[in-house]
């Protein structure tokens, strides 16, 4: 079974301001995705929706095969900054 994730007509608004609407895409094994946009364009919001950390107003997300999605935020909590590997 080919692993893939499909988004259909994703929409999200914040404080009655539309961040994006009708976002559709499909990624399969081996695909690479680059999300570009100006500051506050909704790039991180889209990634949070894909990972399940945020619920969109309108969303249809289909995952085929065993897919694990991990979202790493741009900023970490201050209590994690003194940790080492």
N, C-alpha and C. Protein backbone atom coordinates (compact mmCIF):
# COMPACT_ATOMS: atom_id res chain seq x y z
N UNK A 1 0.85 -1.18 0.00
CA UNK A 1 0.00 0.00 0.00
C UNK A 1 0.89 1.25 0.00
N UNK A 2 0.64 2.14 -0.92
CA UNK A 2 1.41 3.38 -1.03
C UNK A 2 1.00 4.33 0.09
N UNK A 3 1.98 4.78 0.85
CA UNK A 3 1.71 5.74 1.91
C UNK A 3 1.50 7.12 1.31
N UNK A 4 0.45 7.81 1.76
CA UNK A 4 0.21 9.17 1.28
C UNK A 4 -0.66 9.92 2.27
N UNK A 5 -0.64 11.21 2.14
CA UNK A 5 -1.53 12.08 2.92
C UNK A 5 -2.14 13.06 1.93
N UNK A 6 -3.45 13.22 2.02
CA UNK A 6 -4.18 14.09 1.10
C UNK A 6 -4.99 15.10 1.90
N UNK A 7 -4.87 16.35 1.55
CA UNK A 7 -5.67 17.42 2.15
C UNK A 7 -6.60 17.95 1.08
N UNK A 8 -7.87 18.13 1.45
CA UNK A 8 -8.85 18.63 0.49
C UNK A 8 -9.60 19.82 1.08
N UNK A 9 -9.49 20.95 0.42
CA UNK A 9 -10.24 22.16 0.75
C UNK A 9 -10.13 22.55 2.22
N UNK A 10 -8.90 22.62 2.71
CA UNK A 10 -8.64 23.03 4.10
C UNK A 10 -8.86 24.53 4.22
N UNK A 11 -9.55 24.95 5.27
CA UNK A 11 -9.79 26.37 5.51
C UNK A 11 -9.55 26.67 6.99
N UNK A 12 -9.01 27.86 7.26
CA UNK A 12 -8.76 28.27 8.64
C UNK A 12 -8.84 29.79 8.74
N UNK A 13 -9.49 30.25 9.80
CA UNK A 13 -9.58 31.69 10.07
C UNK A 13 -9.25 31.93 11.53
N UNK A 14 -8.73 33.12 11.82
CA UNK A 14 -8.41 33.51 13.19
C UNK A 14 -8.99 34.89 13.42
N UNK A 15 -9.81 35.03 14.44
CA UNK A 15 -10.48 36.31 14.73
C UNK A 15 -11.19 36.87 13.50
N UNK A 16 -11.95 36.02 12.84
CA UNK A 16 -12.73 36.39 11.64
C UNK A 16 -11.86 36.81 10.46
N UNK A 17 -10.56 36.59 10.53
CA UNK A 17 -9.67 36.87 9.41
C UNK A 17 -9.27 35.54 8.78
N UNK A 18 -9.58 35.37 7.51
CA UNK A 18 -9.24 34.14 6.80
C UNK A 18 -7.72 34.04 6.64
N UNK A 19 -7.14 32.99 7.17
CA UNK A 19 -5.71 32.76 7.03
C UNK A 19 -5.46 32.07 5.68
N UNK A 20 -6.27 31.04 5.39
CA UNK A 20 -6.26 30.41 4.08
C UNK A 20 -7.57 29.65 3.89
N UNK A 21 -7.88 29.35 2.62
CA UNK A 21 -9.07 28.56 2.33
C UNK A 21 -8.83 27.77 1.05
N UNK A 22 -9.53 26.67 0.95
CA UNK A 22 -9.45 25.78 -0.22
C UNK A 22 -8.03 25.29 -0.51
N UNK A 23 -7.27 24.96 0.54
CA UNK A 23 -5.93 24.39 0.37
C UNK A 23 -6.09 22.89 0.11
N UNK A 24 -5.56 22.43 -0.98
CA UNK A 24 -5.59 21.00 -1.31
C UNK A 24 -4.20 20.58 -1.76
N UNK A 25 -3.77 19.39 -1.32
CA UNK A 25 -2.48 18.85 -1.74
C UNK A 25 -2.43 17.37 -1.45
N UNK A 26 -1.51 16.70 -2.09
CA UNK A 26 -1.28 15.28 -1.83
C UNK A 26 0.21 15.03 -1.83
N UNK A 27 0.68 14.33 -0.81
CA UNK A 27 2.09 13.94 -0.70
C UNK A 27 2.15 12.43 -0.57
N UNK A 28 3.03 11.81 -1.34
CA UNK A 28 3.23 10.37 -1.29
C UNK A 28 4.67 10.08 -0.91
N UNK A 29 4.96 8.82 -0.65
CA UNK A 29 6.31 8.41 -0.28
C UNK A 29 7.30 8.93 -1.32
N UNK A 30 8.37 9.54 -0.87
CA UNK A 30 9.40 10.06 -1.74
C UNK A 30 9.20 11.51 -2.17
N UNK A 31 7.99 12.03 -1.97
CA UNK A 31 7.72 13.43 -2.31
C UNK A 31 8.38 14.34 -1.29
N UNK A 32 8.74 15.50 -1.73
CA UNK A 32 9.26 16.54 -0.84
C UNK A 32 8.36 17.74 -0.97
N UNK A 33 8.11 18.39 0.15
CA UNK A 33 7.19 19.50 0.19
C UNK A 33 7.89 20.72 0.76
N UNK A 34 7.74 21.84 0.11
CA UNK A 34 8.31 23.10 0.59
C UNK A 34 7.15 24.08 0.74
N UNK A 35 7.00 24.63 1.92
CA UNK A 35 5.93 25.60 2.18
C UNK A 35 6.58 26.96 2.35
N UNK A 36 6.27 27.87 1.44
CA UNK A 36 6.84 29.21 1.45
C UNK A 36 5.74 30.23 1.65
N UNK A 37 6.07 31.33 2.30
CA UNK A 37 5.11 32.41 2.48
C UNK A 37 5.68 33.49 3.37
N UNK A 38 5.02 34.63 3.33
CA UNK A 38 5.43 35.75 4.16
C UNK A 38 5.15 35.43 5.63
N UNK A 39 5.69 36.26 6.52
CA UNK A 39 5.39 36.12 7.94
C UNK A 39 3.88 36.20 8.15
N UNK A 40 3.38 35.37 9.03
CA UNK A 40 1.95 35.32 9.37
C UNK A 40 1.06 34.91 8.21
N UNK A 41 1.61 34.19 7.24
CA UNK A 41 0.81 33.73 6.10
C UNK A 41 0.06 32.44 6.41
N UNK A 42 0.46 31.73 7.49
CA UNK A 42 -0.24 30.50 7.87
C UNK A 42 0.54 29.23 7.65
N UNK A 43 1.85 29.33 7.42
CA UNK A 43 2.67 28.14 7.18
C UNK A 43 2.65 27.20 8.38
N UNK A 44 2.95 27.72 9.55
CA UNK A 44 2.96 26.89 10.77
C UNK A 44 1.56 26.39 11.09
N UNK A 45 0.56 27.21 10.84
CA UNK A 45 -0.83 26.80 11.09
C UNK A 45 -1.18 25.60 10.22
N UNK A 46 -0.80 25.63 8.96
CA UNK A 46 -1.07 24.50 8.07
C UNK A 46 -0.37 23.23 8.57
N UNK A 47 0.88 23.35 9.00
CA UNK A 47 1.60 22.19 9.52
C UNK A 47 0.95 21.65 10.80
N UNK A 48 0.45 22.54 11.66
CA UNK A 48 -0.25 22.10 12.88
C UNK A 48 -1.54 21.37 12.53
N UNK A 49 -2.23 21.80 11.50
CA UNK A 49 -3.45 21.11 11.06
C UNK A 49 -3.11 19.73 10.51
N UNK A 50 -2.06 19.64 9.70
CA UNK A 50 -1.64 18.35 9.15
C UNK A 50 -1.25 17.38 10.26
N UNK A 51 -0.57 17.88 11.29
CA UNK A 51 -0.12 17.02 12.39
C UNK A 51 -1.24 16.69 13.38
N UNK A 52 -2.36 17.39 13.29
CA UNK A 52 -3.47 17.13 14.21
C UNK A 52 -3.42 17.97 15.47
N UNK A 53 -2.46 18.89 15.57
CA UNK A 53 -2.36 19.75 16.75
C UNK A 53 -3.37 20.89 16.72
N UNK A 54 -3.98 21.12 15.57
CA UNK A 54 -4.94 22.21 15.41
C UNK A 54 -6.05 21.70 14.48
N UNK A 55 -7.28 22.09 14.76
CA UNK A 55 -8.42 21.67 13.95
C UNK A 55 -8.84 22.82 13.04
N UNK A 56 -8.96 22.53 11.75
CA UNK A 56 -9.39 23.54 10.79
C UNK A 56 -10.90 23.66 10.79
N UNK A 57 -11.40 24.79 10.31
CA UNK A 57 -12.84 25.00 10.21
C UNK A 57 -13.44 24.02 9.21
N UNK A 58 -12.80 23.88 8.09
CA UNK A 58 -13.21 22.90 7.10
C UNK A 58 -11.99 22.05 6.81
N UNK A 59 -12.15 20.75 6.93
CA UNK A 59 -11.00 19.91 6.65
C UNK A 59 -11.41 18.52 6.24
N UNK A 60 -10.64 17.98 5.33
CA UNK A 60 -10.73 16.59 4.96
C UNK A 60 -9.29 16.13 4.76
N UNK A 61 -8.81 15.36 5.70
CA UNK A 61 -7.44 14.86 5.64
C UNK A 61 -7.50 13.34 5.59
N UNK A 62 -6.93 12.78 4.55
CA UNK A 62 -6.90 11.33 4.38
C UNK A 62 -5.47 10.84 4.47
N UNK A 63 -5.25 9.84 5.30
CA UNK A 63 -3.92 9.24 5.44
C UNK A 63 -4.03 7.78 4.99
N UNK A 64 -3.16 7.39 4.08
CA UNK A 64 -3.15 6.02 3.57
C UNK A 64 -1.86 5.36 4.03
N UNK A 65 -1.98 4.19 4.62
CA UNK A 65 -0.81 3.50 5.15
C UNK A 65 -0.46 4.03 6.53
N UNK A 66 0.56 3.44 7.13
CA UNK A 66 1.01 3.88 8.46
C UNK A 66 1.85 5.14 8.30
N UNK A 67 1.30 6.25 8.74
CA UNK A 67 1.98 7.54 8.63
C UNK A 67 2.10 8.14 10.02
N UNK A 68 3.29 8.58 10.36
CA UNK A 68 3.52 9.27 11.63
C UNK A 68 3.95 10.69 11.31
N UNK A 69 3.23 11.65 11.84
CA UNK A 69 3.53 13.05 11.60
C UNK A 69 3.96 13.69 12.91
N UNK A 70 5.07 14.37 12.87
CA UNK A 70 5.58 15.06 14.06
C UNK A 70 5.80 16.52 13.69
N UNK A 71 5.26 17.40 14.50
CA UNK A 71 5.44 18.83 14.29
C UNK A 71 6.39 19.36 15.35
N UNK A 72 7.46 20.00 14.93
CA UNK A 72 8.41 20.61 15.86
C UNK A 72 8.22 22.12 15.75
N UNK A 73 7.79 22.76 16.84
CA UNK A 73 7.49 24.20 16.78
C UNK A 73 8.74 25.05 16.57
N UNK A 74 8.52 26.25 16.08
CA UNK A 74 9.62 27.18 15.86
C UNK A 74 10.28 27.60 17.16
N UNK A 75 9.50 27.71 18.20
CA UNK A 75 10.01 28.13 19.51
C UNK A 75 9.68 27.06 20.53
N UNK A 76 10.63 26.83 21.43
CA UNK A 76 10.46 25.83 22.48
C UNK A 76 10.15 26.52 23.80
N UNK A 77 9.56 25.77 24.71
CA UNK A 77 9.30 26.29 26.05
C UNK A 77 10.63 26.62 26.72
N UNK A 78 10.65 27.69 27.49
CA UNK A 78 11.89 28.15 28.12
C UNK A 78 12.46 27.13 29.10
N UNK A 79 11.62 26.29 29.69
CA UNK A 79 12.12 25.30 30.65
C UNK A 79 12.88 24.16 29.97
N UNK A 80 12.85 24.08 28.63
CA UNK A 80 13.59 23.04 27.90
C UNK A 80 14.95 23.52 27.41
N UNK A 81 15.24 24.79 27.55
CA UNK A 81 16.44 25.33 26.96
C UNK A 81 17.73 24.85 27.63
N UNK A 82 17.66 24.42 28.87
CA UNK A 82 18.88 23.99 29.55
C UNK A 82 19.14 22.50 29.40
N UNK A 83 18.33 21.79 28.63
CA UNK A 83 18.52 20.36 28.43
C UNK A 83 19.64 20.12 27.42
N UNK A 84 20.34 19.01 27.57
CA UNK A 84 21.41 18.65 26.63
C UNK A 84 21.18 17.22 26.16
N UNK A 85 21.88 16.87 25.11
CA UNK A 85 21.77 15.52 24.55
C UNK A 85 22.97 14.72 24.99
